[in-house]
Each structure stands twice: as C-alpha cells, then as structure tokens.
Amino acid sequence: PIKPPHVTGPDGVISHSLVTGGSQVDGSVAN
C-alpha cells in the first residue's frame, strides 16, 4: 500500500527495528 513515511514523535524511541510507512511512533519500540 502507498503510505507516507513513518513518523517518530518527540518522545518516540526506535531501536534495532523495522518500521514501515504510515506508522506513527510516540512510544518506545525495540527489536
């Protein structure tokens, strides 16, 4: 599906993960 780039909010933390378009991350995502 055609989606915009994923967004990481000011409090969002992403480490060692795959995150696909259209996603919004304001929490913590690891592995």
PDB file of all heavy atoms in Angstrom:
ATOM      1  N   PRO A   1       0.829  -1.211   0.000  1.00  0.00           N
ATOM      2  CA  PRO A   1       0.000   0.000   0.000  1.00  0.00           C
ATOM      3  C   PRO A   1       0.861   1.258   0.000  1.00  0.00           C
ATOM      4  O   PRO A   1       1.947   1.284   0.576  1.00  0.00           O
ATOM      5  CB  PRO A   1      -0.797  -0.119   1.303  1.00  0.00           C
ATOM      6  CG  PRO A   1      -0.012  -1.043   2.164  1.00  0.00           C
ATOM      7  CD  PRO A   1       0.674  -1.986   1.241  1.00  0.00           C
ATOM      8  N   ILE A   2       0.365   2.282  -0.682  1.00  0.00           N
ATOM      9  CA  ILE A   2       1.102   3.549  -0.748  1.00  0.00           C
ATOM     10  C   ILE A   2       0.793   4.361   0.501  1.00  0.00           C
ATOM     11  O   ILE A   2      -0.352   4.769   0.719  1.00  0.00           O
ATOM     12  CB  ILE A   2       0.729   4.327  -2.017  1.00  0.00           C
ATOM     13  CG1 ILE A   2       1.102   3.506  -3.261  1.00  0.00           C
ATOM     14  CG2 ILE A   2       1.422   5.688  -2.042  1.00  0.00           C
ATOM     15  CD1 ILE A   2       0.619   4.097  -4.559  1.00  0.00           C
ATOM     16  N   LYS A   3       1.785   4.542   1.327  1.00  0.00           N
ATOM     17  CA  LYS A   3       1.624   5.255   2.597  1.00  0.00           C
ATOM     18  C   LYS A   3       2.714   6.317   2.730  1.00  0.00           C
ATOM     19  O   LYS A   3       3.801   6.176   2.150  1.00  0.00           O
ATOM     20  CB  LYS A   3       1.725   4.281   3.775  1.00  0.00           C
ATOM     21  CG  LYS A   3       0.643   3.203   3.797  1.00  0.00           C
ATOM     22  CD  LYS A   3      -0.712   3.788   4.140  1.00  0.00           C
ATOM     23  CE  LYS A   3      -1.777   2.694   4.185  1.00  0.00           C
ATOM     24  NZ  LYS A   3      -3.101   3.270   4.505  1.00  0.00           N
ATOM     25  N   PRO A   4       2.455   7.366   3.507  1.00  0.00           N
ATOM     26  CA  PRO A   4       3.507   8.362   3.747  1.00  0.00           C
ATOM     27  C   PRO A   4       4.603   7.774   4.619  1.00  0.00           C
ATOM     28  O   PRO A   4       4.424   6.716   5.226  1.00  0.00           O
ATOM     29  CB  PRO A   4       2.755   9.485   4.480  1.00  0.00           C
ATOM     30  CG  PRO A   4       1.600   8.799   5.141  1.00  0.00           C
ATOM     31  CD  PRO A   4       1.204   7.691   4.210  1.00  0.00           C
ATOM     32  N   PRO A   5       5.755   8.436   4.719  1.00  0.00           N
ATOM     33  CA  PRO A   5       6.828   7.939   5.595  1.00  0.00           C
ATOM     34  C   PRO A   5       6.343   7.812   7.041  1.00  0.00           C
ATOM     35  O   PRO A   5       5.430   8.518   7.465  1.00  0.00           O
ATOM     36  CB  PRO A   5       7.911   9.015   5.472  1.00  0.00           C
ATOM     37  CG  PRO A   5       7.623   9.705   4.190  1.00  0.00           C
ATOM     38  CD  PRO A   5       6.138   9.670   4.011  1.00  0.00           C
ATOM     39  N   HIS A   6       6.972   6.896   7.777  1.00  0.00           N
ATOM     40  CA  HIS A   6       6.587   6.761   9.186  1.00  0.00           C
ATOM     41  C   HIS A   6       7.069   7.988   9.978  1.00  0.00           C
ATOM     42  O   HIS A   6       8.027   8.655   9.587  1.00  0.00           O
ATOM     43  CB  HIS A   6       7.147   5.465   9.777  1.00  0.00           C
ATOM     44  CG  HIS A   6       8.563   5.547  10.250  1.00  0.00           C
ATOM     45  ND1 HIS A   6       9.632   5.153   9.476  1.00  0.00           N
ATOM     46  CD2 HIS A   6       9.090   5.974  11.425  1.00  0.00           C
ATOM     47  CE1 HIS A   6      10.752   5.339  10.143  1.00  0.00           C
ATOM     48  NE2 HIS A   6      10.457   5.835  11.327  1.00  0.00           N
ATOM     49  N   VAL A   7       6.362   8.248  11.064  1.00  0.00           N
ATOM     50  CA  VAL A   7       6.663   9.432  11.884  1.00  0.00           C
ATOM     51  C   VAL A   7       7.068   8.982  13.282  1.00  0.00           C
ATOM     52  O   VAL A   7       6.384   8.167  13.908  1.00  0.00           O
ATOM     53  CB  VAL A   7       5.429  10.357  11.989  1.00  0.00           C
ATOM     54  CG1 VAL A   7       5.717  11.515  12.933  1.00  0.00           C
ATOM     55  CG2 VAL A   7       5.035  10.867  10.615  1.00  0.00           C
ATOM     56  N   THR A   8       8.180   9.518  13.760  1.00  0.00           N
ATOM     57  CA  THR A   8       8.585   9.312  15.150  1.00  0.00           C
ATOM     58  C   THR A   8       8.374  10.621  15.901  1.00  0.00           C
ATOM     59  O   THR A   8       8.958  11.649  15.553  1.00  0.00           O
ATOM     60  CB  THR A   8      10.065   8.894  15.239  1.00  0.00           C
ATOM     61  OG1 THR A   8      10.284   7.759  14.405  1.00  0.00           O
ATOM     62  CG2 THR A   8      10.438   8.550  16.673  1.00  0.00           C
ATOM     63  N   GLY A   9       7.496  10.579  16.917  1.00  0.00           N
ATOM     64  CA  GLY A   9       7.177  11.784  17.671  1.00  0.00           C
ATOM     65  C   GLY A   9       8.318  12.224  18.569  1.00  0.00           C
ATOM     66  O   GLY A   9       9.342  11.526  18.698  1.00  0.00           O
ATOM     67  N   PRO A  10       8.169  13.362  19.226  1.00  0.00           N
ATOM     68  CA  PRO A  10       9.243  13.915  20.075  1.00  0.00           C
ATOM     69  C   PRO A  10       9.634  13.004  21.233  1.00  0.00           C
ATOM     70  O   PRO A  10      10.770  13.065  21.704  1.00  0.00           O
ATOM     71  CB  PRO A  10       8.652  15.245  20.583  1.00  0.00           C
ATOM     72  CG  PRO A  10       7.179  15.134  20.364  1.00  0.00           C
ATOM     73  CD  PRO A  10       6.994  14.262  19.184  1.00  0.00           C
ATOM     74  N   ASP A  11       8.698  12.166  21.679  1.00  0.00           N
ATOM     75  CA  ASP A  11       9.004  11.234  22.764  1.00  0.00           C
ATOM     76  C   ASP A  11       9.202   9.810  22.263  1.00  0.00           C
ATOM     77  O   ASP A  11       9.384   8.885  23.057  1.00  0.00           O
ATOM     78  CB  ASP A  11       7.879  11.255  23.812  1.00  0.00           C
ATOM     79  CG  ASP A  11       7.747  12.611  24.481  1.00  0.00           C
ATOM     80  OD1 ASP A  11       8.790  13.202  24.819  1.00  0.00           O
ATOM     81  OD2 ASP A  11       6.606  13.085  24.637  1.00  0.00           O
ATOM     82  N   GLY A  12       9.132   9.629  20.964  1.00  0.00           N
ATOM     83  CA  GLY A  12       9.274   8.290  20.395  1.00  0.00           C
ATOM     84  C   GLY A  12      10.726   7.850  20.351  1.00  0.00           C
ATOM     85  O   GLY A  12      11.627   8.646  20.064  1.00  0.00           O
ATOM     86  N   VAL A  13      10.950   6.564  20.644  1.00  0.00           N
ATOM     87  CA  VAL A  13      12.304   5.993  20.598  1.00  0.00           C
ATOM     88  C   VAL A  13      12.225   4.666  19.847  1.00  0.00           C
ATOM     89  O   VAL A  13      11.471   3.770  20.232  1.00  0.00           O
ATOM     90  CB  VAL A  13      12.868   5.751  22.015  1.00  0.00           C
ATOM     91  CG1 VAL A  13      14.247   5.114  21.923  1.00  0.00           C
ATOM     92  CG2 VAL A  13      12.924   7.049  22.803  1.00  0.00           C
ATOM     93  N   ILE A  14      13.002   4.550  18.779  1.00  0.00           N
ATOM     94  CA  ILE A  14      13.030   3.314  17.989  1.00  0.00           C
ATOM     95  C   ILE A  14      14.456   2.809  17.937  1.00  0.00           C
ATOM     96  O   ILE A  14      15.377   3.559  17.590  1.00  0.00           O
ATOM     97  CB  ILE A  14      12.518   3.548  16.555  1.00  0.00           C
ATOM     98  CG1 ILE A  14      11.077   4.052  16.566  1.00  0.00           C
ATOM     99  CG2 ILE A  14      12.617   2.261  15.738  1.00  0.00           C
ATOM    100  CD1 ILE A  14      10.559   4.454  15.193  1.00  0.00           C
ATOM    101  N   SER A  15      14.654   1.545  18.296  1.00  0.00           N
ATOM    102  CA  SER A  15      15.997   0.962  18.202  1.00  0.00           C
ATOM    103  C   SER A  15      15.918  -0.446  17.639  1.00  0.00           C
ATOM    104  O   SER A  15      15.025  -1.219  17.993  1.00  0.00           O
ATOM    105  CB  SER A  15      16.672   0.947  19.580  1.00  0.00           C
ATOM    106  OG  SER A  15      15.974   0.114  20.480  1.00  0.00           O
ATOM    107  N   HIS A  16      16.853  -0.740  16.739  1.00  0.00           N
ATOM    108  CA  HIS A  16      17.007  -2.081  16.171  1.00  0.00           C
ATOM    109  C   HIS A  16      15.667  -2.672  15.728  1.00  0.00           C
ATOM    110  O   HIS A  16      15.282  -3.771  16.115  1.00  0.00           O
ATOM    111  CB  HIS A  16      17.681  -3.011  17.188  1.00  0.00           C
ATOM    112  CG  HIS A  16      18.239  -4.255  16.556  1.00  0.00           C
ATOM    113  ND1 HIS A  16      18.026  -5.515  17.066  1.00  0.00           N
ATOM    114  CD2 HIS A  16      18.984  -4.422  15.433  1.00  0.00           C
ATOM    115  CE1 HIS A  16      18.629  -6.412  16.300  1.00  0.00           C
ATOM    116  NE2 HIS A  16      19.213  -5.766  15.303  1.00  0.00           N
ATOM    117  N   SER A  17      14.953  -1.936  14.899  1.00  0.00           N
ATOM    118  CA  SER A  17      13.614  -2.359  14.481  1.00  0.00           C
ATOM    119  C   SER A  17      13.372  -2.009  13.019  1.00  0.00           C
ATOM    120  O   SER A  17      14.045  -1.139  12.445  1.00  0.00           O
ATOM    121  CB  SER A  17      12.549  -1.684  15.351  1.00  0.00           C
ATOM    122  OG  SER A  17      12.670  -2.062  16.702  1.00  0.00           O
ATOM    123  N   LEU A  18      12.392  -2.676  12.420  1.00  0.00           N
ATOM    124  CA  LEU A  18      11.902  -2.320  11.093  1.00  0.00           C
ATOM    125  C   LEU A  18      10.566  -1.606  11.269  1.00  0.00           C
ATOM    126  O   LEU A  18       9.654  -2.141  11.909  1.00  0.00           O
ATOM    127  CB  LEU A  18      11.685  -3.577  10.240  1.00  0.00           C
ATOM    128  CG  LEU A  18      12.913  -4.409   9.872  1.00  0.00           C
ATOM    129  CD1 LEU A  18      12.484  -5.649   9.085  1.00  0.00           C
ATOM    130  CD2 LEU A  18      13.898  -3.594   9.049  1.00  0.00           C
ATOM    131  N   VAL A  19      10.448  -0.415  10.696  1.00  0.00           N
ATOM    132  CA  VAL A  19       9.208   0.351  10.798  1.00  0.00           C
ATOM    133  C   VAL A  19       8.808   0.781   9.387  1.00  0.00           C
ATOM    134  O   VAL A  19       9.588   1.415   8.675  1.00  0.00           O
ATOM    135  CB  VAL A  19       9.374   1.577  11.712  1.00  0.00           C
ATOM    136  CG1 VAL A  19       8.057   2.333  11.814  1.00  0.00           C
ATOM    137  CG2 VAL A  19       9.855   1.155  13.095  1.00  0.00           C
ATOM    138  N   THR A  20       7.581   0.439   9.004  1.00  0.00           N
ATOM    139  CA  THR A  20       7.125   0.667   7.638  1.00  0.00           C
ATOM    140  C   THR A  20       6.288   1.940   7.540  1.00  0.00           C
ATOM    141  O   THR A  20       5.799   2.463   8.550  1.00  0.00           O
ATOM    142  CB  THR A  20       6.321  -0.561   7.167  1.00  0.00           C
ATOM    143  OG1 THR A  20       7.077  -1.741   7.457  1.00  0.00           O
ATOM    144  CG2 THR A  20       6.083  -0.546   5.670  1.00  0.00           C
ATOM    145  N   GLY A  21       6.109   2.435   6.310  1.00  0.00           N
ATOM    146  CA  GLY A  21       5.408   3.679   6.043  1.00  0.00           C
ATOM    147  C   GLY A  21       4.010   3.742   6.647  1.00  0.00           C
ATOM    148  O   GLY A  21       3.324   2.743   6.807  1.00  0.00           O
ATOM    149  N   GLY A  22       3.600   4.957   6.988  1.00  0.00           N
ATOM    150  CA  GLY A  22       2.275   5.173   7.538  1.00  0.00           C
ATOM    151  C   GLY A  22       2.172   4.946   9.031  1.00  0.00           C
ATOM    152  O   GLY A  22       1.111   5.159   9.615  1.00  0.00           O
ATOM    153  N   SER A  23       3.264   4.513   9.660  1.00  0.00           N
ATOM    154  CA  SER A  23       3.241   4.249  11.103  1.00  0.00           C
ATOM    155  C   SER A  23       3.588   5.515  11.885  1.00  0.00           C
ATOM    156  O   SER A  23       4.350   6.364  11.418  1.00  0.00           O
ATOM    157  CB  SER A  23       4.222   3.138  11.463  1.00  0.00           C
ATOM    158  OG  SER A  23       3.789   1.908  10.926  1.00  0.00           O
ATOM    159  N   GLN A  24       3.014   5.612  13.095  1.00  0.00           N
ATOM    160  CA  GLN A  24       3.290   6.731  13.989  1.00  0.00           C
ATOM    161  C   GLN A  24       3.757   6.184  15.329  1.00  0.00           C
ATOM    162  O   GLN A  24       3.020   5.436  15.978  1.00  0.00           O
ATOM    163  CB  GLN A  24       2.038   7.588  14.188  1.00  0.00           C
ATOM    164  CG  GLN A  24       1.495   8.158  12.889  1.00  0.00           C
ATOM    165  CD  GLN A  24       0.259   9.014  13.094  1.00  0.00           C
ATOM    166  OE1 GLN A  24       0.291   9.968  13.864  1.00  0.00           O
ATOM    167  NE2 GLN A  24      -0.819   8.672  12.419  1.00  0.00           N
ATOM    168  N   VAL A  25       4.968   6.561  15.713  1.00  0.00           N
ATOM    169  CA  VAL A  25       5.554   6.032  16.943  1.00  0.00           C
ATOM    170  C   VAL A  25       5.820   7.187  17.905  1.00  0.00           C
ATOM    171  O   VAL A  25       6.664   8.056  17.658  1.00  0.00           O
ATOM    172  CB  VAL A  25       6.864   5.259  16.662  1.00  0.00           C
ATOM    173  CG1 VAL A  25       7.489   4.789  17.970  1.00  0.00           C
ATOM    174  CG2 VAL A  25       6.597   4.082  15.729  1.00  0.00           C
ATOM    175  N   ASP A  26       5.085   7.187  19.019  1.00  0.00           N
ATOM    176  CA  ASP A  26       5.309   8.168  20.078  1.00  0.00           C
ATOM    177  C   ASP A  26       5.783   7.506  21.365  1.00  0.00           C
ATOM    178  O   ASP A  26       6.056   8.181  22.349  1.00  0.00           O
ATOM    179  CB  ASP A  26       4.019   8.950  20.353  1.00  0.00           C
ATOM    180  CG  ASP A  26       3.671   9.879  19.210  1.00  0.00           C
ATOM    181  OD1 ASP A  26       4.416  10.846  18.981  1.00  0.00           O
ATOM    182  OD2 ASP A  26       2.663   9.621  18.522  1.00  0.00           O
ATOM    183  N   GLY A  27       5.855   6.162  21.341  1.00  0.00           N
ATOM    184  CA  GLY A  27       6.337   5.408  22.488  1.00  0.00           C
ATOM    185  C   GLY A  27       7.701   4.820  22.211  1.00  0.00           C
ATOM    186  O   GLY A  27       8.487   5.365  21.429  1.00  0.00           O
ATOM    187  N   SER A  28       7.982   3.681  22.836  1.00  0.00           N
ATOM    188  CA  SER A  28       9.285   3.034  22.703  1.00  0.00           C
ATOM    189  C   SER A  28       9.137   1.725  21.922  1.00  0.00           C
ATOM    190  O   SER A  28       8.278   0.902  22.237  1.00  0.00           O
ATOM    191  CB  SER A  28       9.863   2.754  24.090  1.00  0.00           C
ATOM    192  OG  SER A  28      11.063   2.011  24.000  1.00  0.00           O
ATOM    193  N   VAL A  29       9.983   1.535  20.913  1.00  0.00           N
ATOM    194  CA  VAL A  29       9.971   0.328  20.085  1.00  0.00           C
ATOM    195  C   VAL A  29      11.388  -0.210  19.989  1.00  0.00           C
ATOM    196  O   VAL A  29      12.301   0.510  19.574  1.00  0.00           O
ATOM    197  CB  VAL A  29       9.437   0.616  18.668  1.00  0.00           C
ATOM    198  CG1 VAL A  29       9.530  -0.631  17.794  1.00  0.00           C
ATOM    199  CG2 VAL A  29       8.002   1.128  18.719  1.00  0.00           C
ATOM    200  N   ALA A  30      11.589  -1.469  20.392  1.00  0.00           N
ATOM    201  CA  ALA A  30      12.926  -2.070  20.338  1.00  0.00           C
ATOM    202  C   ALA A  30      12.829  -3.502  19.820  1.00  0.00           C
ATOM    203  O   ALA A  30      11.922  -4.254  20.200  1.00  0.00           O
ATOM    204  CB  ALA A  30      13.571  -2.056  21.724  1.00  0.00           C
ATOM    205  N   ASN A  31      13.759  -3.858  18.942  1.00  0.00           N
ATOM    206  CA  ASN A  31      13.876  -5.241  18.446  1.00  0.00           C
ATOM    207  C   ASN A  31      12.540  -5.771  17.935  1.00  0.00           C
ATOM    208  O   ASN A  31      12.131  -6.891  18.234  1.00  0.00           O
ATOM    209  CB  ASN A  31      14.412  -6.154  19.554  1.00  0.00           C
ATOM    210  CG  ASN A  31      15.742  -5.682  20.101  1.00  0.00           C
ATOM    211  OD1 ASN A  31      16.724  -5.595  19.375  1.00  0.00           O
ATOM    212  ND2 ASN A  31      15.760  -5.321  21.374  1.00  0.00           N
TER     213      ASN A  31
END
